[in-house]
Amino acid sequence: MDNIVEKLKETEIPDFLSEREKTIVEYSLKITKTPSKMTKDDVETLRKVGLTDEAILNVVMVNGYFAFVNRMADGLGIELEDYWLNN
């Protein structure tokens, strides 16, 4: 597990991921960084790697939830616990 964490620290899209996983990560990065640029083509890209509409909805909801929680924490001035600061 530590090896996976280290690889994720090095790059946003590590090469050990499957094409399907890379596509999900690419979609997640786009919806996180530039949500206003999302198009139907982005959804079609997920379908092309085998995601169902339910799975796509789950990807969107997980990304939305993390964005919501991070904004809540930032907006309330919540600081990370020491554990997270040291890793």
N, C-alpha and C. Protein backbone atom coordinates (compact mmCIF):
# COMPACT_ATOMS: atom_id res chain seq x y z
N MET A 1 0.82 -1.20 0.00
CA MET A 1 0.00 0.00 0.00
C MET A 1 0.86 1.26 0.00
N ASP A 2 1.97 1.26 0.75
CA ASP A 2 2.84 2.43 0.80
C ASP A 2 3.37 2.77 -0.58
N ASN A 3 3.66 1.74 -1.39
CA ASN A 3 4.17 1.95 -2.74
C ASN A 3 3.13 2.69 -3.59
N ILE A 4 1.87 2.34 -3.45
CA ILE A 4 0.80 3.00 -4.19
C ILE A 4 0.71 4.46 -3.77
N VAL A 5 0.77 4.71 -2.49
CA VAL A 5 0.70 6.09 -1.99
C VAL A 5 1.86 6.91 -2.53
N GLU A 6 3.05 6.35 -2.53
CA GLU A 6 4.23 7.06 -3.04
C GLU A 6 4.07 7.38 -4.52
N LYS A 7 3.55 6.43 -5.30
CA LYS A 7 3.35 6.67 -6.74
C LYS A 7 2.31 7.75 -6.97
N LEU A 8 1.27 7.78 -6.15
CA LEU A 8 0.24 8.80 -6.29
C LEU A 8 0.77 10.18 -5.93
N LYS A 9 1.77 10.24 -5.06
CA LYS A 9 2.39 11.52 -4.72
C LYS A 9 3.23 12.05 -5.88
N GLU A 10 3.74 11.14 -6.72
CA GLU A 10 4.62 11.50 -7.83
C GLU A 10 3.86 12.01 -9.05
N THR A 11 2.68 11.49 -9.31
CA THR A 11 1.94 11.83 -10.52
C THR A 11 0.44 11.72 -10.28
N GLU A 12 -0.34 12.50 -11.00
CA GLU A 12 -1.79 12.45 -10.85
C GLU A 12 -2.38 11.17 -11.44
N ILE A 13 -1.75 10.67 -12.50
CA ILE A 13 -2.27 9.48 -13.16
C ILE A 13 -1.14 8.45 -13.31
N PRO A 14 -0.95 7.62 -12.28
CA PRO A 14 0.14 6.64 -12.34
C PRO A 14 -0.10 5.58 -13.41
N ASP A 15 0.99 5.06 -13.94
CA ASP A 15 0.89 4.10 -15.04
C ASP A 15 0.45 2.71 -14.61
N PHE A 16 0.36 2.44 -13.32
CA PHE A 16 -0.10 1.11 -12.90
C PHE A 16 -1.62 0.98 -12.95
N LEU A 17 -2.32 2.09 -13.20
CA LEU A 17 -3.77 2.03 -13.31
C LEU A 17 -4.19 1.43 -14.64
N SER A 18 -5.33 0.78 -14.66
CA SER A 18 -5.90 0.27 -15.92
C SER A 18 -6.40 1.46 -16.74
N GLU A 19 -6.67 1.23 -18.01
CA GLU A 19 -7.19 2.31 -18.87
C GLU A 19 -8.51 2.85 -18.30
N ARG A 20 -9.34 1.95 -17.81
CA ARG A 20 -10.62 2.35 -17.22
C ARG A 20 -10.38 3.25 -16.01
N GLU A 21 -9.46 2.86 -15.13
CA GLU A 21 -9.16 3.65 -13.95
C GLU A 21 -8.55 5.01 -14.32
N LYS A 22 -7.67 5.01 -15.32
CA LYS A 22 -7.08 6.28 -15.78
C LYS A 22 -8.16 7.22 -16.30
N THR A 23 -9.11 6.67 -17.03
CA THR A 23 -10.19 7.49 -17.58
C THR A 23 -11.02 8.10 -16.45
N ILE A 24 -11.29 7.32 -15.42
CA ILE A 24 -12.04 7.83 -14.27
C ILE A 24 -11.25 8.93 -13.56
N VAL A 25 -9.95 8.73 -13.39
CA VAL A 25 -9.11 9.74 -12.74
C VAL A 25 -9.06 11.02 -13.59
N GLU A 26 -8.90 10.87 -14.90
CA GLU A 26 -8.87 12.04 -15.79
C GLU A 26 -10.19 12.82 -15.70
N TYR A 27 -11.30 12.11 -15.69
CA TYR A 27 -12.62 12.73 -15.55
C TYR A 27 -12.70 13.46 -14.21
N SER A 28 -12.26 12.79 -13.16
CA SER A 28 -12.31 13.37 -11.81
C SER A 28 -11.45 14.62 -11.71
N LEU A 29 -10.28 14.60 -12.32
CA LEU A 29 -9.42 15.78 -12.31
C LEU A 29 -10.08 16.94 -13.04
N LYS A 30 -10.71 16.65 -14.17
CA LYS A 30 -11.35 17.71 -14.95
C LYS A 30 -12.54 18.30 -14.19
N ILE A 31 -13.38 17.45 -13.61
CA ILE A 31 -14.56 17.96 -12.92
C ILE A 31 -14.16 18.71 -11.64
N THR A 32 -12.99 18.39 -11.10
CA THR A 32 -12.50 19.08 -9.91
C THR A 32 -11.86 20.41 -10.27
N LYS A 33 -11.03 20.41 -11.30
CA LYS A 33 -10.26 21.61 -11.64
C LYS A 33 -11.00 22.59 -12.55
N THR A 34 -11.79 22.06 -13.49
CA THR A 34 -12.48 22.93 -14.46
C THR A 34 -13.91 22.42 -14.70
N PRO A 35 -14.75 22.45 -13.68
CA PRO A 35 -16.09 21.87 -13.82
C PRO A 35 -16.94 22.54 -14.91
N SER A 36 -16.71 23.81 -15.18
CA SER A 36 -17.52 24.49 -16.19
C SER A 36 -17.18 24.03 -17.61
N LYS A 37 -16.09 23.29 -17.76
CA LYS A 37 -15.69 22.81 -19.08
C LYS A 37 -16.13 21.37 -19.36
N MET A 38 -16.92 20.79 -18.45
CA MET A 38 -17.40 19.43 -18.66
C MET A 38 -18.43 19.43 -19.78
N THR A 39 -18.40 18.38 -20.61
CA THR A 39 -19.34 18.25 -21.72
C THR A 39 -19.91 16.83 -21.76
N LYS A 40 -20.86 16.62 -22.64
CA LYS A 40 -21.42 15.28 -22.84
C LYS A 40 -20.34 14.32 -23.31
N ASP A 41 -19.35 14.83 -24.03
CA ASP A 41 -18.26 13.97 -24.50
C ASP A 41 -17.49 13.36 -23.33
N ASP A 42 -17.38 14.10 -22.24
CA ASP A 42 -16.68 13.55 -21.06
C ASP A 42 -17.43 12.35 -20.51
N VAL A 43 -18.74 12.44 -20.49
CA VAL A 43 -19.57 11.31 -20.04
C VAL A 43 -19.44 10.14 -21.01
N GLU A 44 -19.44 10.44 -22.29
CA GLU A 44 -19.29 9.38 -23.30
C GLU A 44 -17.96 8.66 -23.17
N THR A 45 -16.92 9.39 -22.80
CA THR A 45 -15.61 8.77 -22.60
C THR A 45 -15.69 7.72 -21.49
N LEU A 46 -16.44 8.02 -20.43
CA LEU A 46 -16.62 7.04 -19.36
C LEU A 46 -17.42 5.83 -19.84
N ARG A 47 -18.44 6.07 -20.63
CA ARG A 47 -19.23 4.96 -21.17
C ARG A 47 -18.38 4.05 -22.06
N LYS A 48 -17.47 4.66 -22.82
CA LYS A 48 -16.63 3.88 -23.73
C LYS A 48 -15.70 2.92 -23.00
N VAL A 49 -15.38 3.20 -21.74
CA VAL A 49 -14.54 2.27 -20.97
C VAL A 49 -15.38 1.36 -20.08
N GLY A 50 -16.70 1.37 -20.32
CA GLY A 50 -17.57 0.39 -19.68
C GLY A 50 -18.35 0.84 -18.47
N LEU A 51 -18.32 2.13 -18.14
CA LEU A 51 -19.09 2.58 -16.99
C LEU A 51 -20.56 2.70 -17.36
N THR A 52 -21.41 2.24 -16.47
CA THR A 52 -22.85 2.38 -16.63
C THR A 52 -23.26 3.78 -16.18
N ASP A 53 -24.48 4.15 -16.46
CA ASP A 53 -24.97 5.45 -15.99
C ASP A 53 -24.92 5.53 -14.46
N GLU A 54 -25.21 4.43 -13.79
CA GLU A 54 -25.15 4.41 -12.33
C GLU A 54 -23.71 4.62 -11.85
N ALA A 55 -22.76 3.98 -12.49
CA ALA A 55 -21.35 4.14 -12.10
C ALA A 55 -20.88 5.58 -12.36
N ILE A 56 -21.32 6.16 -13.47
CA ILE A 56 -20.96 7.55 -13.77
C ILE A 56 -21.54 8.48 -12.72
N LEU A 57 -22.77 8.24 -12.34
CA LEU A 57 -23.40 9.04 -11.28
C LEU A 57 -22.60 8.92 -9.99
N ASN A 58 -22.14 7.73 -9.67
CA ASN A 58 -21.33 7.53 -8.47
C ASN A 58 -20.03 8.32 -8.53
N VAL A 59 -19.37 8.32 -9.69
CA VAL A 59 -18.13 9.08 -9.86
C VAL A 59 -18.40 10.57 -9.62
N VAL A 60 -19.48 11.07 -10.21
CA VAL A 60 -19.83 12.49 -10.05
C VAL A 60 -20.17 12.80 -8.60
N MET A 61 -20.94 11.93 -7.95
CA MET A 61 -21.34 12.18 -6.56
C MET A 61 -20.14 12.14 -5.61
N VAL A 62 -19.22 11.22 -5.81
CA VAL A 62 -18.03 11.16 -4.95
C VAL A 62 -17.20 12.43 -5.11
N ASN A 63 -17.00 12.87 -6.36
CA ASN A 63 -16.26 14.10 -6.60
C ASN A 63 -16.98 15.30 -5.99
N GLY A 64 -18.28 15.36 -6.14
CA GLY A 64 -19.06 16.46 -5.57
C GLY A 64 -19.01 16.46 -4.05
N TYR A 65 -19.08 15.28 -3.45
CA TYR A 65 -19.03 15.17 -2.00
C TYR A 65 -17.68 15.68 -1.46
N PHE A 66 -16.60 15.26 -2.09
CA PHE A 66 -15.28 15.71 -1.63
C PHE A 66 -15.12 17.21 -1.79
N ALA A 67 -15.63 17.77 -2.90
CA ALA A 67 -15.57 19.22 -3.10
C ALA A 67 -16.37 19.93 -2.01
N PHE A 68 -17.55 19.41 -1.70
CA PHE A 68 -18.40 19.99 -0.67
C PHE A 68 -17.73 19.96 0.70
N VAL A 69 -17.22 18.79 1.07
CA VAL A 69 -16.59 18.65 2.39
C VAL A 69 -15.35 19.54 2.51
N ASN A 70 -14.55 19.60 1.45
CA ASN A 70 -13.37 20.46 1.49
C ASN A 70 -13.74 21.93 1.61
N ARG A 71 -14.77 22.36 0.91
CA ARG A 71 -15.20 23.76 1.02
C ARG A 71 -15.76 24.05 2.40
N MET A 72 -16.49 23.12 2.96
CA MET A 72 -17.01 23.30 4.33
C MET A 72 -15.86 23.44 5.32
N ALA A 73 -14.88 22.54 5.22
CA ALA A 73 -13.74 22.58 6.14
C ALA A 73 -12.95 23.87 5.97
N ASP A 74 -12.69 24.25 4.71
CA ASP A 74 -11.95 25.48 4.46
C ASP A 74 -12.74 26.70 4.94
N GLY A 75 -14.03 26.70 4.67
CA GLY A 75 -14.88 27.82 5.06
C GLY A 75 -15.01 27.99 6.56
N LEU A 76 -14.87 26.91 7.28
CA LEU A 76 -14.96 26.96 8.74
C LEU A 76 -13.59 27.07 9.41
N GLY A 77 -12.55 27.10 8.60
CA GLY A 77 -11.21 27.25 9.14
C GLY A 77 -10.70 26.02 9.87
N ILE A 78 -11.22 24.86 9.50
CA ILE A 78 -10.79 23.62 10.15
C ILE A 78 -9.39 23.27 9.67
N GLU A 79 -8.52 22.99 10.61
CA GLU A 79 -7.13 22.66 10.28
C GLU A 79 -6.94 21.15 10.29
N LEU A 80 -6.00 20.69 9.47
CA LEU A 80 -5.69 19.27 9.42
C LEU A 80 -5.09 18.81 10.75
N GLU A 81 -5.37 17.57 11.08
CA GLU A 81 -4.74 16.98 12.26
C GLU A 81 -3.26 16.76 11.98
N ASP A 82 -2.45 16.68 13.00
CA ASP A 82 -1.01 16.53 12.85
C ASP A 82 -0.65 15.34 11.97
N TYR A 83 -1.40 14.26 12.07
CA TYR A 83 -1.11 13.08 11.28
C TYR A 83 -1.00 13.43 9.80
N TRP A 84 -1.96 14.20 9.28
CA TRP A 84 -2.02 14.53 7.85
C TRP A 84 -0.91 15.51 7.46
N LEU A 85 -0.49 16.33 8.39
CA LEU A 85 0.55 17.31 8.10
C LEU A 85 1.91 16.63 7.94
N ASN A 86 2.10 15.51 8.60
CA ASN A 86 3.39 14.80 8.58
C ASN A 86 3.49 13.79 7.44
N ASN A 87 2.45 13.59 6.69
CA ASN A 87 2.45 12.59 5.61
C ASN A 87 2.31 13.21 4.25
